[in-house]
Amino acid sequence: MKQGKRVIISGGGTGGHIFPAIAIANALKRIAPDTEILFVGAKNRMEMEKVPAAGYQIMGLDIQGFQRKSLLKNIFLPFKMLKSIYDSVSIIRKFKPDVAIGVGGYASGPLLYAAGKMNVPYLIQEQNSYAGITNTYLGKNAKQICVAFEGMNQFFPADKIKLTGNPIRKDSVAIAHKRTDAFEYFGLSADKKTILVLGGSLGAGTLNKCMLAGLYEIINANVQLIWQTGPSYYAEIIRSLPKNHQCIKVYEFLNRMDFAYAAADMIISRAGAGTIAELCAVGKPTILVPSPNVAEDHQTKNAKALVERKATFLITDSDAEKKLVKAALNLIIDTQKGTDLGQNMTKMTLLDADEVIANEILKIANEWS
């Protein structure tokens, strides 16, 4: 009997890296059910919970990202990096993968570096429109680089690039004929306009601050709000809500993204690559507020790639407190502008990224194993 291929998928840190990685793993299992998959993530990050919940084994590296707000916290980073490379070598020797995949996040760099040194072929799934230093360096020896935006040959060898889009949670964007059920699920009125606020899996302090400051303006405009705060902000926001807030629905984390997208008339969001991929599939008018606290400011570059195609509005983090709520309420009234933005967003959709990437992974595994 032919033995299935062995695949390591590395990365994580946020939902934007984890959910695409799981989508790729699921596609691999659909196409080649005998594939053996091992995830490698960062200890104490959310992948250590989300990946096992999805049915996959994961091992953790003691690694962190560069801390821009406190340089002192970076003292042990070189030692953690070296140890993570050493641990990655050990993991690779034990698991004996046919191919390794990097989806971004803290664990991806050490694992792919070790794989390259051990002659294990690897594929990079670059989610952003602007590649970081680590992926740019690792891209030189990658067998394939799957990208979500055009023009990535400024970072990677052109002959290794394949435009695939970012994998998305297809159940999250399956919103057809769900609007009535969505309003019932959230306990909202189908006769009112609805704003959806997404701060990413960890939440966004700026967006939360803006929504709190503009709550009465939103309520007075007869507009409803579905608000994903992130776990760190949830309790404080609940305490701060006005007593009469039936039209304001606040969640730590949204478990039914399909209902959230279905109910929304417009969306306010950070500009993570995974979220953008879902927003393109949903095709709702959107205002993006890129996080300034990410490597190489890649969220701003992601958002600008959509602005260039007239698919979204961009408001900077520093301008959000003054402009965001007013801009959202104006957009929800201007239905023609909203329709145009949504249609241009939809034109950027690549729905089968997970299966395209999975087939590239299996192709590499078959050629090099």
Protein backbone atom coordinates (compact mmCIF):
# COMPACT_ATOMS: atom_id res chain seq x y z
CA MET A 1 0.00 0.00 0.00
CA LYS A 2 1.26 3.45 -0.90
CA GLN A 3 2.15 5.49 2.19
CA GLY A 4 0.67 8.96 2.61
CA LYS A 5 2.86 12.03 2.52
CA ARG A 6 4.03 13.63 5.75
CA VAL A 7 3.51 17.39 6.00
CA ILE A 8 4.56 19.93 8.64
CA ILE A 9 2.59 23.19 8.75
CA SER A 10 4.25 25.94 10.78
CA GLY A 11 3.05 29.32 11.96
CA GLY A 12 0.29 30.95 13.96
CA GLY A 13 0.05 33.64 16.61
CA THR A 14 -3.29 35.07 15.46
CA GLY A 15 -6.43 33.77 13.84
CA GLY A 16 -5.25 35.34 10.58
CA HIS A 17 -2.49 32.75 10.39
CA ILE A 18 -4.17 29.84 12.15
CA PHE A 19 -7.45 29.58 10.24
CA PRO A 20 -5.80 29.59 6.79
CA ALA A 21 -3.36 26.94 8.02
CA ILE A 22 -6.22 24.74 9.19
CA ALA A 23 -8.01 25.34 5.88
CA ILE A 24 -4.92 24.07 4.02
CA ALA A 25 -4.72 21.02 6.29
CA ASN A 26 -8.40 20.25 5.70
CA ALA A 27 -7.89 20.53 1.93
CA LEU A 28 -4.92 18.17 2.10
CA LYS A 29 -7.04 15.60 3.93
CA ARG A 30 -9.85 15.95 1.38
CA ILE A 31 -7.52 15.48 -1.58
CA ALA A 32 -5.24 12.85 -0.03
CA PRO A 33 -6.88 11.40 3.10
CA ASP A 34 -3.79 9.38 4.03
CA THR A 35 -1.68 12.56 4.44
CA GLU A 36 -0.08 12.82 7.90
CA ILE A 37 -0.02 16.38 9.21
CA LEU A 38 1.86 17.92 12.13
CA PHE A 39 1.48 21.56 13.12
CA VAL A 40 4.29 23.53 14.75
CA GLY A 41 3.30 26.71 16.57
CA ALA A 42 4.44 29.05 19.32
CA LYS A 43 3.90 28.00 22.93
CA ASN A 44 1.21 29.90 24.81
CA ARG A 45 -0.31 31.28 21.60
CA MET A 46 -3.84 30.58 20.40
CA GLU A 47 -2.79 27.91 17.89
CA MET A 48 -2.03 25.58 20.81
CA GLU A 49 -5.79 25.57 21.48
CA LYS A 50 -7.33 26.07 18.03
CA VAL A 51 -5.31 23.44 16.13
CA PRO A 52 -6.12 20.50 18.47
CA ALA A 53 -9.77 21.65 18.45
CA ALA A 54 -9.66 21.21 14.66
CA GLY A 55 -8.40 17.64 15.10
CA TYR A 56 -4.67 18.05 14.41
CA GLN A 57 -1.54 17.41 16.46
CA ILE A 58 0.63 20.42 17.30
CA MET A 59 4.04 20.94 18.90
CA GLY A 60 5.12 24.26 20.38
CA LEU A 61 8.30 26.28 20.10
CA ASP A 62 9.40 28.75 22.78
CA ILE A 63 9.50 31.69 20.40
CA GLN A 64 8.19 35.26 20.36
CA GLY A 65 8.02 38.16 17.95
CA PHE A 66 10.04 41.36 18.15
CA GLN A 67 8.51 43.65 20.79
CA ARG A 68 8.44 47.19 19.41
CA LYS A 69 6.89 48.79 22.48
CA SER A 70 9.47 47.47 24.95
CA LEU A 71 12.98 46.83 23.68
CA LEU A 72 13.95 45.23 27.00
CA LYS A 73 11.58 42.36 26.26
CA ASN A 74 13.77 41.46 23.27
CA ILE A 75 16.85 40.62 25.35
CA PHE A 76 16.21 36.87 25.20
CA LEU A 77 14.91 36.84 21.61
CA PRO A 78 18.21 35.70 19.98
CA PHE A 79 18.49 32.82 22.47
CA LYS A 80 14.86 31.83 21.91
CA MET A 81 15.41 31.91 18.16
CA LEU A 82 18.45 29.63 18.37
CA LYS A 83 16.64 27.23 20.68
CA SER A 84 13.60 27.22 18.38
CA ILE A 85 15.82 26.30 15.42
CA TYR A 86 17.39 23.51 17.49
CA ASP A 87 13.95 22.26 18.55
CA SER A 88 12.74 22.47 14.94
CA VAL A 89 15.64 20.25 13.85
CA SER A 90 14.60 17.73 16.49
CA ILE A 91 10.96 17.83 15.37
CA ILE A 92 11.92 17.35 11.72
CA ARG A 93 14.21 14.43 12.52
CA LYS A 94 11.46 12.71 14.45
CA PHE A 95 8.53 13.40 12.11
CA LYS A 96 10.49 13.01 8.84
CA PRO A 97 8.30 15.29 6.69
CA ASP A 98 8.22 15.11 2.91
CA VAL A 99 7.51 18.85 2.78
CA ALA A 100 7.19 21.79 5.18
CA ILE A 101 4.79 24.74 4.94
CA GLY A 102 5.14 28.19 6.46
CA VAL A 103 1.99 30.29 6.85
CA GLY A 104 3.55 33.16 8.80
CA GLY A 105 3.74 33.83 12.52
CA TYR A 106 6.46 33.32 15.10
CA ALA A 107 7.09 29.58 14.57
CA SER A 108 7.26 29.70 10.79
CA GLY A 109 10.74 31.22 10.47
CA PRO A 110 12.73 28.80 12.68
CA LEU A 111 10.94 25.74 11.28
CA LEU A 112 11.48 26.65 7.62
CA TYR A 113 15.08 27.68 8.27
CA ALA A 114 15.74 24.28 9.86
CA ALA A 115 13.92 22.51 7.03
CA GLY A 116 16.11 24.25 4.45
CA LYS A 117 19.29 23.26 6.27
CA MET A 118 18.07 19.64 6.41
CA ASN A 119 17.18 19.51 2.70
CA VAL A 120 13.45 19.28 3.37
CA PRO A 121 11.61 21.13 0.58
CA TYR A 122 9.33 23.90 1.76
CA LEU A 123 6.52 26.11 0.52
CA ILE A 124 5.75 29.62 1.79
CA GLN A 125 2.18 30.86 1.94
CA GLU A 126 2.65 34.65 1.94
CA GLN A 127 -0.62 36.21 3.03
CA ASN A 128 0.23 39.90 2.81
CA SER A 129 0.80 42.35 -0.01
CA TYR A 130 4.17 43.25 1.53
CA ALA A 131 6.48 40.39 2.46
CA GLY A 132 8.42 40.63 5.70
CA ILE A 133 12.17 40.23 6.11
CA THR A 134 11.96 36.61 7.23
CA ASN A 135 9.84 35.38 4.33
CA THR A 136 11.87 37.41 1.83
CA TYR A 137 15.02 35.69 3.06
CA LEU A 138 13.44 32.22 3.18
CA GLY A 139 11.86 32.71 -0.24
CA LYS A 140 15.22 32.37 -1.96
CA ASN A 141 15.31 28.63 -1.21
CA ALA A 142 11.58 27.87 -1.22
CA LYS A 143 10.26 25.47 -3.84
CA GLN A 144 7.05 27.48 -4.21
CA ILE A 145 5.64 30.75 -2.86
CA CYS A 146 1.85 31.04 -2.86
CA VAL A 147 0.73 34.67 -2.73
CA ALA A 148 -2.55 36.54 -2.36
CA PHE A 149 -1.66 39.79 -4.11
CA GLU A 150 -0.18 40.68 -7.48
CA GLY A 151 3.23 42.33 -7.79
CA MET A 152 5.03 40.08 -5.30
CA ASN A 153 8.04 39.59 -7.60
CA GLN A 154 9.58 42.59 -5.82
CA PHE A 155 10.09 40.25 -2.86
CA PHE A 156 10.41 36.77 -4.35
CA PRO A 157 11.88 35.07 -7.45
CA ALA A 158 9.22 35.43 -10.13
CA ASP A 159 9.51 31.81 -11.27
CA LYS A 160 8.57 30.54 -7.79
CA ILE A 161 5.45 32.68 -7.33
CA LYS A 162 1.92 31.33 -7.76
CA LEU A 163 -1.10 33.63 -7.25
CA THR A 164 -3.52 31.54 -5.18
CA GLY A 165 -5.25 33.94 -2.82
CA ASN A 166 -5.51 33.31 0.91
CA PRO A 167 -7.35 30.27 2.26
CA ILE A 168 -10.58 31.17 4.01
CA ARG A 169 -13.09 29.46 6.27
CA LYS A 170 -15.68 28.67 3.61
CA ASP A 171 -18.39 28.07 6.17
CA SER A 172 -17.81 31.62 7.45
CA VAL A 173 -18.49 33.24 4.08
CA ALA A 174 -21.43 31.02 3.09
CA ILE A 175 -24.01 33.75 3.73
CA ALA A 176 -26.58 33.18 0.98
CA HIS A 177 -30.19 33.05 2.28
CA LYS A 178 -29.04 33.43 5.91
CA ARG A 179 -29.99 37.06 6.62
CA THR A 180 -33.31 36.27 8.34
CA ASP A 181 -31.72 33.56 10.49
CA ALA A 182 -28.84 35.91 11.28
CA PHE A 183 -31.08 38.64 12.69
CA GLU A 184 -32.90 36.03 14.76
CA TYR A 185 -29.60 34.63 16.04
CA PHE A 186 -28.38 38.06 17.18
CA GLY A 187 -31.77 39.25 18.39
CA LEU A 188 -31.72 42.25 16.07
CA SER A 189 -34.29 43.89 13.82
CA ALA A 190 -34.32 43.07 10.11
CA ASP A 191 -35.71 46.56 9.45
CA LYS A 192 -32.62 48.43 10.68
CA LYS A 193 -29.19 48.92 9.14
CA THR A 194 -26.42 46.97 10.84
CA ILE A 195 -22.70 47.67 11.29
CA LEU A 196 -20.30 44.80 11.99
CA VAL A 197 -17.05 45.62 13.84
CA LEU A 198 -14.14 43.17 13.62
CA GLY A 199 -10.95 43.77 15.56
CA GLY A 200 -9.36 40.42 14.73
CA SER A 201 -9.19 37.38 16.98
CA LEU A 202 -7.31 39.32 19.67
CA GLY A 203 -9.40 42.48 19.42
CA ALA A 204 -8.38 46.04 18.53
CA GLY A 205 -8.11 48.75 21.18
CA THR A 206 -8.58 51.63 18.73
CA LEU A 207 -11.75 50.21 17.19
CA ASN A 208 -13.19 49.46 20.62
CA LYS A 209 -12.42 52.99 21.83
CA CYS A 210 -14.05 54.50 18.74
CA MET A 211 -17.21 52.42 19.12
CA LEU A 212 -17.56 53.30 22.79
CA ALA A 213 -17.16 56.99 22.02
CA GLY A 214 -19.68 56.83 19.18
CA LEU A 215 -22.32 54.55 20.71
CA TYR A 216 -24.96 57.22 21.22
CA GLU A 217 -24.35 58.59 17.73
CA ILE A 218 -24.92 55.08 16.34
CA ILE A 219 -28.03 54.51 18.47
CA ASN A 220 -29.47 57.92 17.55
CA ALA A 221 -28.98 57.10 13.86
CA ASN A 222 -31.24 54.06 14.39
CA VAL A 223 -28.37 51.74 13.43
CA GLN A 224 -27.58 48.38 15.03
CA LEU A 225 -24.11 47.14 15.97
CA ILE A 226 -22.55 43.66 16.08
CA TRP A 227 -19.28 44.21 17.88
CA GLN A 228 -16.44 41.72 18.26
CA THR A 229 -14.17 43.12 20.98
CA GLY A 230 -11.52 40.47 21.58
CA PRO A 231 -11.10 38.74 24.97
CA SER A 232 -8.95 41.40 26.65
CA TYR A 233 -11.46 44.22 26.14
CA TYR A 234 -14.78 42.44 26.55
CA ALA A 235 -15.46 42.82 30.29
CA GLU A 236 -14.63 46.53 30.37
CA ILE A 237 -16.82 47.25 27.35
CA ILE A 238 -19.78 45.36 28.80
CA ARG A 239 -19.49 47.49 31.95
CA SER A 240 -19.40 50.66 29.84
CA LEU A 241 -22.51 49.99 27.75
CA PRO A 242 -25.56 52.20 28.27
CA LYS A 243 -28.48 50.54 30.05
CA ASN A 244 -30.72 50.61 26.99
CA HIS A 245 -28.54 48.86 24.44
CA GLN A 246 -30.73 46.20 22.81
CA CYS A 247 -29.42 47.26 19.39
CA ILE A 248 -25.79 46.79 20.48
CA LYS A 249 -24.60 43.16 20.51
CA VAL A 250 -21.14 42.66 21.99
CA TYR A 251 -19.05 39.48 21.70
CA GLU A 252 -15.60 38.44 22.82
CA PHE A 253 -15.33 36.23 19.75
CA LEU A 254 -17.86 35.56 16.99
CA ASN A 255 -18.55 31.85 16.62
CA ARG A 256 -21.01 32.32 13.74
CA MET A 257 -19.15 34.52 11.29
CA ASP A 258 -21.56 33.50 8.53
CA PHE A 259 -24.44 35.05 10.48
CA ALA A 260 -22.35 38.14 11.33
CA TYR A 261 -21.48 38.72 7.68
CA ALA A 262 -25.04 37.97 6.56
CA ALA A 263 -26.55 40.52 8.95
CA ALA A 264 -24.05 43.28 8.18
CA ASP A 265 -24.88 46.16 5.86
CA MET A 266 -21.34 47.49 6.26
CA ILE A 267 -18.21 46.34 8.05
CA ILE A 268 -15.44 48.03 10.04
CA SER A 269 -12.32 45.92 10.30
CA ARG A 270 -8.59 45.72 10.79
CA ALA A 271 -6.69 44.80 7.62
CA GLY A 272 -5.20 41.40 8.33
CA ALA A 273 -4.72 39.35 5.19
CA GLY A 274 -6.99 36.50 6.27
CA THR A 275 -9.79 38.87 7.20
CA ILE A 276 -9.45 40.70 3.89
CA ALA A 277 -9.77 37.40 2.03
CA GLU A 278 -13.06 36.74 3.81
CA LEU A 279 -14.28 40.30 3.25
CA CYS A 280 -13.63 39.97 -0.48
CA ALA A 281 -15.68 36.77 -0.57
CA VAL A 282 -18.53 38.42 1.36
CA GLY A 283 -18.56 41.57 -0.78
CA LYS A 284 -19.98 44.02 1.77
CA PRO A 285 -18.95 47.72 1.89
CA THR A 286 -16.03 48.00 4.28
CA ILE A 287 -13.88 50.55 6.08
CA LEU A 288 -10.43 49.23 6.93
CA VAL A 289 -8.45 50.63 9.88
CA PRO A 290 -5.01 49.00 9.63
CA SER A 291 -3.23 48.13 12.84
CA PRO A 292 0.01 50.11 13.26
CA ASN A 293 1.42 47.45 15.59
CA VAL A 294 2.46 44.85 13.00
CA ALA A 295 5.70 44.04 11.23
CA GLU A 296 6.58 46.24 8.24
CA ASP A 297 3.19 47.97 8.61
CA HIS A 298 1.81 45.27 6.32
CA GLN A 299 -1.84 45.90 7.22
CA THR A 300 -1.64 49.40 5.75
CA LYS A 301 -0.11 47.97 2.58
CA ASN A 302 -2.85 45.31 2.44
CA ALA A 303 -5.53 47.99 2.73
CA LYS A 304 -3.91 50.21 0.10
CA ALA A 305 -3.94 47.30 -2.35
CA LEU A 306 -7.75 47.33 -2.05
CA VAL A 307 -8.03 51.13 -2.09
CA GLU A 308 -6.18 51.14 -5.42
CA ARG A 309 -8.96 48.94 -6.82
CA LYS A 310 -11.66 51.16 -5.29
CA ALA A 311 -12.77 48.24 -3.13
CA THR A 312 -12.62 49.85 0.33
CA PHE A 313 -12.09 53.02 2.37
CA LEU A 314 -8.98 53.34 4.53
CA ILE A 315 -8.89 55.33 7.76
CA THR A 316 -5.62 55.42 9.65
CA ASP A 317 -5.45 54.32 13.25
CA SER A 318 -4.50 57.84 14.33
CA ASP A 319 -7.51 59.37 12.52
CA ALA A 320 -10.04 56.75 13.58
CA GLU A 321 -11.25 58.43 16.78
CA LYS A 322 -12.26 61.57 14.86
CA LYS A 323 -13.45 60.07 11.59
CA LEU A 324 -14.48 56.41 11.89
CA VAL A 325 -18.03 56.46 13.25
CA LYS A 326 -19.07 59.39 11.06
CA ALA A 327 -17.61 57.71 7.96
CA ALA A 328 -19.37 54.44 8.79
CA LEU A 329 -22.75 56.11 9.21
CA ASN A 330 -22.27 58.06 5.97
CA LEU A 331 -21.38 54.89 4.08
CA ILE A 332 -24.35 52.97 5.43
CA ILE A 333 -26.63 55.74 4.10
CA ASP A 334 -24.90 55.98 0.70
CA THR A 335 -26.18 52.68 -0.66
CA GLN A 336 -24.82 53.26 -4.20
CA LYS A 337 -21.31 53.86 -2.91
CA GLY A 338 -21.64 50.81 -0.71
CA THR A 339 -22.75 48.66 -3.63
CA ASP A 340 -19.81 49.85 -5.74
CA LEU A 341 -17.30 49.07 -3.00
CA GLY A 342 -18.81 45.63 -2.40
CA GLN A 343 -18.76 44.73 -6.09
CA ASN A 344 -15.14 45.80 -6.46
CA MET A 345 -14.26 43.80 -3.36
CA THR A 346 -15.89 40.69 -4.83
CA LYS A 347 -13.80 41.00 -8.00
CA MET A 348 -10.70 40.25 -5.90
CA THR A 349 -12.05 36.96 -4.53
CA LEU A 350 -10.11 33.72 -5.02
CA LEU A 351 -12.29 31.09 -3.35
CA ASP A 352 -10.34 27.86 -3.90
CA ALA A 353 -6.99 28.94 -2.44
CA ASP A 354 -6.94 26.10 0.09
CA GLU A 355 -7.21 23.37 -2.56
CA VAL A 356 -4.83 25.09 -4.99
CA ILE A 357 -2.20 25.38 -2.24
CA ALA A 358 -2.82 21.81 -1.08
CA ASN A 359 -2.22 20.51 -4.60
CA GLU A 360 1.03 22.50 -4.82
CA ILE A 361 2.13 20.97 -1.50
CA LEU A 362 1.43 17.43 -2.71
CA LYS A 363 3.19 18.15 -5.98
CA ILE A 364 6.32 19.24 -4.12
CA ALA A 365 6.12 16.23 -1.80
CA ASN A 366 5.85 13.84 -4.76
CA GLU A 367 8.69 15.47 -6.69
CA TRP A 368 11.19 15.76 -3.86
CA SER A 369 10.50 12.81 -1.55
